[in-house]
C-alpha cells in the first residue's frame, strides 16, 4: 500500500532513498529530502508491506505530466514486484498525466507495464 510521506517517516525514507546511487552521500540525501518537504510539486510516497516500509517513490508533478525521480526498494524485498506495484498505483493516481523518467529511473520504468500515454 502506498503512503504519502510525512515528517515522522523521515529516517525510513532516507534509508530507502540511500539505495539510489546518486543519493548515498548524507549531505545530498538531506538536500533531496528538503526538496520533497518544502515543494508541493515534489511528492514522496512510501510502500508498506505487512508492517514494514519497503519501498519509496518520488516524483515531480506538473500540470500535464509527472516525472519519476526516485524509486527504491529495500534489497531484501527486490524481485517481488513492489517497484511495479508502486508505479501502477501512481499511474492510477495521476490518471491522465503523462509519466516521464529521469536518466536514473528510465531503465526501470521501461520494464514496467505501460498505461495509456506513458513513456
N, C-alpha and C. Protein backbone atom coordinates (compact mmCIF):
# COMPACT_ATOMS: atom_id res chain seq x y z
N UNK A 1 0.83 -1.17 0.00
CA UNK A 1 0.00 0.00 0.00
C UNK A 1 0.89 1.25 0.00
N UNK A 2 0.51 2.24 -0.77
CA UNK A 2 1.27 3.47 -0.92
C UNK A 2 0.81 4.51 0.10
N UNK A 3 1.78 5.08 0.83
CA UNK A 3 1.50 6.10 1.83
C UNK A 3 2.22 7.39 1.45
N UNK A 4 1.55 8.51 1.59
CA UNK A 4 2.17 9.81 1.36
C UNK A 4 3.18 10.09 2.47
N UNK A 5 4.32 10.62 2.11
CA UNK A 5 5.39 10.91 3.06
C UNK A 5 4.93 11.90 4.13
N UNK A 6 5.33 11.63 5.37
CA UNK A 6 5.15 12.54 6.49
C UNK A 6 6.50 12.68 7.18
N UNK A 7 6.70 13.78 7.87
CA UNK A 7 7.98 14.04 8.55
C UNK A 7 8.35 12.90 9.50
N UNK A 8 7.35 12.25 10.10
CA UNK A 8 7.63 11.15 11.02
C UNK A 8 8.25 9.93 10.30
N UNK A 9 8.17 9.89 8.97
CA UNK A 9 8.76 8.81 8.18
C UNK A 9 10.16 9.16 7.67
N UNK A 10 10.72 10.28 8.11
CA UNK A 10 11.95 10.81 7.52
C UNK A 10 13.10 9.80 7.53
N UNK A 11 13.40 9.18 8.66
CA UNK A 11 14.53 8.26 8.73
C UNK A 11 14.33 7.05 7.82
N UNK A 12 13.11 6.54 7.78
CA UNK A 12 12.79 5.40 6.92
C UNK A 12 12.98 5.80 5.46
N UNK A 13 12.44 6.98 5.10
CA UNK A 13 12.54 7.46 3.72
C UNK A 13 14.00 7.68 3.32
N UNK A 14 14.78 8.26 4.21
CA UNK A 14 16.20 8.49 3.90
C UNK A 14 16.93 7.16 3.72
N UNK A 15 16.60 6.19 4.54
CA UNK A 15 17.22 4.87 4.41
C UNK A 15 16.90 4.23 3.07
N UNK A 16 15.65 4.29 2.66
CA UNK A 16 15.25 3.71 1.38
C UNK A 16 15.85 4.48 0.21
N UNK A 17 15.86 5.81 0.31
CA UNK A 17 16.40 6.61 -0.77
C UNK A 17 17.90 6.42 -0.92
N UNK A 18 18.58 6.09 0.17
CA UNK A 18 20.03 5.92 0.12
C UNK A 18 20.45 4.72 -0.74
N UNK A 19 19.51 3.86 -1.11
CA UNK A 19 19.82 2.75 -2.01
C UNK A 19 20.01 3.23 -3.45
N UNK A 20 19.59 4.47 -3.74
CA UNK A 20 19.77 5.02 -5.08
C UNK A 20 21.21 5.53 -5.20
N UNK A 21 21.91 5.21 -6.28
CA UNK A 21 23.33 5.55 -6.42
C UNK A 21 23.67 7.02 -6.18
N UNK A 22 22.86 7.95 -6.65
CA UNK A 22 23.19 9.37 -6.51
C UNK A 22 22.76 9.95 -5.17
N UNK A 23 22.19 9.15 -4.30
CA UNK A 23 21.70 9.64 -3.01
C UNK A 23 22.45 9.02 -1.83
N UNK A 24 23.60 8.49 -2.05
CA UNK A 24 24.33 7.79 -0.98
C UNK A 24 24.99 8.73 0.01
N UNK A 25 25.42 9.90 -0.42
CA UNK A 25 26.06 10.85 0.48
C UNK A 25 25.01 11.52 1.36
N UNK A 26 25.29 11.65 2.64
CA UNK A 26 24.33 12.20 3.59
C UNK A 26 23.90 13.62 3.22
N UNK A 27 24.85 14.47 2.84
CA UNK A 27 24.50 15.85 2.50
C UNK A 27 23.55 15.91 1.30
N UNK A 28 23.83 15.14 0.26
CA UNK A 28 22.96 15.09 -0.93
C UNK A 28 21.58 14.54 -0.55
N UNK A 29 21.56 13.52 0.28
CA UNK A 29 20.31 12.92 0.73
C UNK A 29 19.47 13.93 1.51
N UNK A 30 20.10 14.69 2.37
CA UNK A 30 19.38 15.71 3.15
C UNK A 30 18.83 16.80 2.23
N UNK A 31 19.59 17.20 1.21
CA UNK A 31 19.12 18.20 0.25
C UNK A 31 17.91 17.69 -0.50
N UNK A 32 17.95 16.45 -0.92
CA UNK A 32 16.82 15.85 -1.65
C UNK A 32 15.58 15.79 -0.76
N UNK A 33 15.75 15.37 0.48
CA UNK A 33 14.60 15.30 1.39
C UNK A 33 14.02 16.69 1.61
N UNK A 34 14.86 17.69 1.69
CA UNK A 34 14.40 19.07 1.87
C UNK A 34 13.51 19.50 0.69
N UNK A 35 13.90 19.13 -0.52
CA UNK A 35 13.09 19.46 -1.71
C UNK A 35 11.70 18.85 -1.57
N UNK A 36 11.62 17.58 -1.18
CA UNK A 36 10.33 16.92 -1.05
C UNK A 36 9.49 17.54 0.08
N UNK A 37 10.13 17.97 1.14
CA UNK A 37 9.40 18.54 2.27
C UNK A 37 8.92 19.96 2.01
N UNK A 38 9.65 20.73 1.22
CA UNK A 38 9.36 22.15 1.04
C UNK A 38 8.56 22.49 -0.22
N UNK A 39 8.61 21.65 -1.23
CA UNK A 39 7.98 21.97 -2.51
C UNK A 39 6.78 21.06 -2.75
N UNK A 40 5.58 21.62 -2.82
CA UNK A 40 4.38 20.78 -3.00
C UNK A 40 4.32 20.04 -4.34
N UNK A 41 5.09 20.49 -5.34
CA UNK A 41 5.11 19.79 -6.62
C UNK A 41 5.93 18.50 -6.56
N UNK A 42 6.79 18.39 -5.56
CA UNK A 42 7.61 17.20 -5.36
C UNK A 42 6.92 16.33 -4.32
N UNK A 43 6.52 15.14 -4.72
CA UNK A 43 5.75 14.26 -3.85
C UNK A 43 6.50 12.96 -3.60
N UNK A 44 6.51 12.56 -2.34
CA UNK A 44 7.23 11.36 -1.94
C UNK A 44 6.24 10.38 -1.32
N UNK A 45 6.37 9.11 -1.70
CA UNK A 45 5.47 8.06 -1.21
C UNK A 45 6.30 6.89 -0.69
N UNK A 46 5.77 6.21 0.30
CA UNK A 46 6.41 5.01 0.83
C UNK A 46 5.46 3.83 0.63
N UNK A 47 6.04 2.68 0.35
CA UNK A 47 5.25 1.46 0.15
C UNK A 47 5.38 0.59 1.39
N UNK A 48 4.23 0.22 1.94
CA UNK A 48 4.22 -0.60 3.14
C UNK A 48 3.76 -2.01 2.78
N UNK A 49 4.54 -2.98 3.22
CA UNK A 49 4.19 -4.39 3.04
C UNK A 49 4.12 -4.99 4.44
N UNK A 50 2.98 -5.50 4.78
CA UNK A 50 2.73 -6.01 6.13
C UNK A 50 3.01 -4.89 7.12
N UNK A 51 4.02 -4.99 7.97
CA UNK A 51 4.26 -3.95 8.98
C UNK A 51 5.47 -3.08 8.69
N UNK A 52 6.09 -3.25 7.53
CA UNK A 52 7.32 -2.52 7.23
C UNK A 52 7.20 -1.70 5.96
N UNK A 53 7.87 -0.54 5.97
CA UNK A 53 8.01 0.24 4.75
C UNK A 53 9.18 -0.35 3.97
N UNK A 54 8.93 -0.78 2.75
CA UNK A 54 9.96 -1.47 1.97
C UNK A 54 10.27 -0.80 0.64
N UNK A 55 9.53 0.24 0.28
CA UNK A 55 9.76 0.91 -0.99
C UNK A 55 9.52 2.40 -0.90
N UNK A 56 10.08 3.12 -1.86
CA UNK A 56 9.96 4.57 -1.90
C UNK A 56 9.79 5.00 -3.35
N UNK A 57 8.95 5.99 -3.56
CA UNK A 57 8.70 6.54 -4.90
C UNK A 57 8.62 8.05 -4.78
N UNK A 58 9.45 8.76 -5.54
CA UNK A 58 9.46 10.22 -5.51
C UNK A 58 9.25 10.78 -6.90
N UNK A 59 8.38 11.79 -7.00
CA UNK A 59 8.07 12.35 -8.29
C UNK A 59 7.84 13.85 -8.22
N UNK A 60 7.99 14.48 -9.36
CA UNK A 60 7.65 15.90 -9.51
C UNK A 60 6.42 15.97 -10.40
N UNK A 61 5.39 16.62 -9.89
CA UNK A 61 4.12 16.71 -10.61
C UNK A 61 4.03 18.06 -11.31
N UNK A 62 3.68 18.01 -12.58
CA UNK A 62 3.45 19.21 -13.36
C UNK A 62 2.01 19.16 -13.86
N UNK A 63 1.61 20.19 -14.59
CA UNK A 63 0.21 20.28 -14.99
C UNK A 63 -0.26 19.10 -15.84
N UNK A 64 0.54 18.71 -16.82
CA UNK A 64 0.11 17.64 -17.73
C UNK A 64 0.97 16.38 -17.64
N UNK A 65 1.94 16.39 -16.75
CA UNK A 65 2.85 15.24 -16.65
C UNK A 65 3.38 15.12 -15.22
N UNK A 66 4.10 14.04 -14.99
CA UNK A 66 4.83 13.85 -13.74
C UNK A 66 6.09 13.07 -14.08
N UNK A 67 7.15 13.37 -13.36
CA UNK A 67 8.44 12.74 -13.61
C UNK A 67 8.85 11.93 -12.40
N UNK A 68 9.14 10.65 -12.61
CA UNK A 68 9.60 9.78 -11.53
C UNK A 68 11.10 10.06 -11.34
N UNK A 69 11.45 10.63 -10.20
CA UNK A 69 12.84 10.96 -9.89
C UNK A 69 13.51 9.89 -9.01
N UNK A 70 12.74 9.28 -8.15
CA UNK A 70 13.30 8.28 -7.23
C UNK A 70 12.38 7.07 -7.14
N UNK A 71 12.99 5.91 -7.25
CA UNK A 71 12.26 4.66 -6.99
C UNK A 71 13.27 3.71 -6.36
N UNK A 72 12.89 3.18 -5.20
CA UNK A 72 13.82 2.35 -4.45
C UNK A 72 13.04 1.29 -3.68
N UNK A 73 13.61 0.10 -3.65
CA UNK A 73 13.02 -1.00 -2.87
C UNK A 73 14.13 -1.59 -2.00
N UNK A 74 13.80 -1.86 -0.76
CA UNK A 74 14.74 -2.50 0.15
C UNK A 74 15.31 -3.75 -0.54
N UNK A 75 16.63 -3.92 -0.56
CA UNK A 75 17.23 -5.07 -1.26
C UNK A 75 16.67 -6.42 -0.84
N UNK A 76 16.26 -6.58 0.39
CA UNK A 76 15.72 -7.88 0.83
C UNK A 76 14.32 -8.14 0.27
N UNK A 77 13.71 -7.14 -0.38
CA UNK A 77 12.38 -7.32 -0.97
C UNK A 77 12.38 -7.15 -2.49
N UNK A 78 13.53 -7.03 -3.08
CA UNK A 78 13.60 -6.88 -4.53
C UNK A 78 13.21 -8.18 -5.21
N UNK A 79 12.66 -8.05 -6.40
CA UNK A 79 12.22 -9.21 -7.15
C UNK A 79 10.82 -9.67 -6.80
N UNK A 80 10.14 -8.94 -5.91
CA UNK A 80 8.78 -9.29 -5.50
C UNK A 80 7.72 -8.48 -6.25
N UNK A 81 8.13 -7.61 -7.16
CA UNK A 81 7.17 -6.81 -7.93
C UNK A 81 6.73 -5.53 -7.24
N UNK A 82 7.39 -5.16 -6.16
CA UNK A 82 7.00 -3.96 -5.40
C UNK A 82 7.18 -2.70 -6.24
N UNK A 83 8.29 -2.59 -6.94
CA UNK A 83 8.51 -1.42 -7.80
C UNK A 83 7.43 -1.28 -8.85
N UNK A 84 7.06 -2.37 -9.46
CA UNK A 84 6.00 -2.35 -10.48
C UNK A 84 4.66 -1.97 -9.86
N UNK A 85 4.39 -2.47 -8.65
CA UNK A 85 3.14 -2.13 -7.96
C UNK A 85 3.09 -0.64 -7.64
N UNK A 86 4.21 -0.09 -7.17
CA UNK A 86 4.24 1.34 -6.87
C UNK A 86 3.97 2.17 -8.12
N UNK A 87 4.58 1.80 -9.23
CA UNK A 87 4.37 2.54 -10.48
C UNK A 87 2.91 2.42 -10.92
N UNK A 88 2.32 1.23 -10.81
CA UNK A 88 0.92 1.06 -11.17
C UNK A 88 0.00 1.94 -10.33
N UNK A 89 0.25 2.01 -9.03
CA UNK A 89 -0.58 2.85 -8.14
C UNK A 89 -0.44 4.33 -8.48
N UNK A 90 0.78 4.76 -8.76
CA UNK A 90 0.97 6.18 -9.06
C UNK A 90 0.35 6.53 -10.41
N UNK A 91 0.38 5.59 -11.36
CA UNK A 91 -0.29 5.82 -12.65
C UNK A 91 -1.79 5.98 -12.43
N UNK A 92 -2.36 5.18 -11.55
CA UNK A 92 -3.79 5.31 -11.24
C UNK A 92 -4.09 6.66 -10.60
N UNK A 93 -3.21 7.10 -9.70
CA UNK A 93 -3.41 8.37 -9.01
C UNK A 93 -3.28 9.57 -9.96
N UNK A 94 -2.36 9.49 -10.89
CA UNK A 94 -2.08 10.62 -11.78
C UNK A 94 -2.99 10.62 -13.01
N UNK A 95 -3.74 9.59 -13.20
CA UNK A 95 -4.74 9.44 -14.26
C UNK A 95 -4.28 9.90 -15.63
N UNK A 96 -4.69 11.07 -16.09
CA UNK A 96 -4.44 11.49 -17.47
C UNK A 96 -3.10 12.17 -17.68
N UNK A 97 -2.31 12.31 -16.65
CA UNK A 97 -0.99 12.93 -16.81
C UNK A 97 -0.02 11.92 -17.44
N UNK A 98 0.92 12.44 -18.21
CA UNK A 98 1.94 11.60 -18.85
C UNK A 98 3.07 11.32 -17.86
N UNK A 99 3.49 10.06 -17.76
CA UNK A 99 4.60 9.69 -16.89
C UNK A 99 5.91 9.87 -17.65
N UNK A 100 6.89 10.48 -16.97
CA UNK A 100 8.21 10.67 -17.54
C UNK A 100 9.25 10.08 -16.61
N UNK A 101 10.43 9.88 -17.14
CA UNK A 101 11.52 9.29 -16.36
C UNK A 101 12.73 10.22 -16.38
N UNK A 102 13.61 10.02 -15.43
CA UNK A 102 14.91 10.69 -15.45
C UNK A 102 15.92 9.67 -15.98
N UNK A 103 17.14 10.10 -16.13
CA UNK A 103 18.19 9.17 -16.57
C UNK A 103 18.32 8.00 -15.60
N UNK A 104 18.16 8.30 -14.31
CA UNK A 104 18.30 7.25 -13.29
C UNK A 104 17.13 6.28 -13.23
N UNK A 105 15.93 6.74 -13.59
CA UNK A 105 14.75 5.89 -13.46
C UNK A 105 14.28 5.29 -14.79
N UNK A 106 14.85 5.73 -15.88
CA UNK A 106 14.38 5.32 -17.21
C UNK A 106 14.44 3.81 -17.43
N UNK A 107 15.56 3.18 -17.12
CA UNK A 107 15.71 1.74 -17.38
C UNK A 107 14.66 0.93 -16.63
N UNK A 108 14.41 1.27 -15.36
CA UNK A 108 13.41 0.53 -14.60
C UNK A 108 12.01 0.77 -15.16
N UNK A 109 11.68 2.03 -15.45
CA UNK A 109 10.32 2.34 -15.92
C UNK A 109 10.02 1.69 -17.26
N UNK A 110 11.02 1.46 -18.07
CA UNK A 110 10.80 0.78 -19.36
C UNK A 110 10.41 -0.68 -19.17
N UNK A 111 10.70 -1.24 -18.00
CA UNK A 111 10.33 -2.63 -17.69
C UNK A 111 8.92 -2.74 -17.13
N UNK A 112 8.33 -1.60 -16.75
CA UNK A 112 7.01 -1.62 -16.12
C UNK A 112 5.90 -1.65 -17.17
N UNK A 113 4.77 -2.27 -16.82
CA UNK A 113 3.63 -2.23 -17.73
C UNK A 113 3.22 -0.77 -17.97
N UNK A 114 3.00 -0.43 -19.22
CA UNK A 114 2.67 0.95 -19.58
C UNK A 114 1.16 1.12 -19.66
N UNK A 115 0.70 2.17 -19.01
CA UNK A 115 -0.70 2.53 -19.13
C UNK A 115 -0.79 3.67 -20.15
N UNK A 116 -1.97 3.95 -20.61
CA UNK A 116 -2.23 4.94 -21.65
C UNK A 116 -1.41 6.23 -21.49
N UNK A 117 -0.67 6.59 -22.54
CA UNK A 117 0.02 7.86 -22.60
C UNK A 117 1.33 7.95 -21.86
N UNK A 118 1.81 6.87 -21.28
CA UNK A 118 3.04 6.95 -20.50
C UNK A 118 4.25 6.54 -21.31
N UNK A 119 5.37 7.17 -20.97
CA UNK A 119 6.67 6.94 -21.58
C UNK A 119 6.49 6.77 -23.07
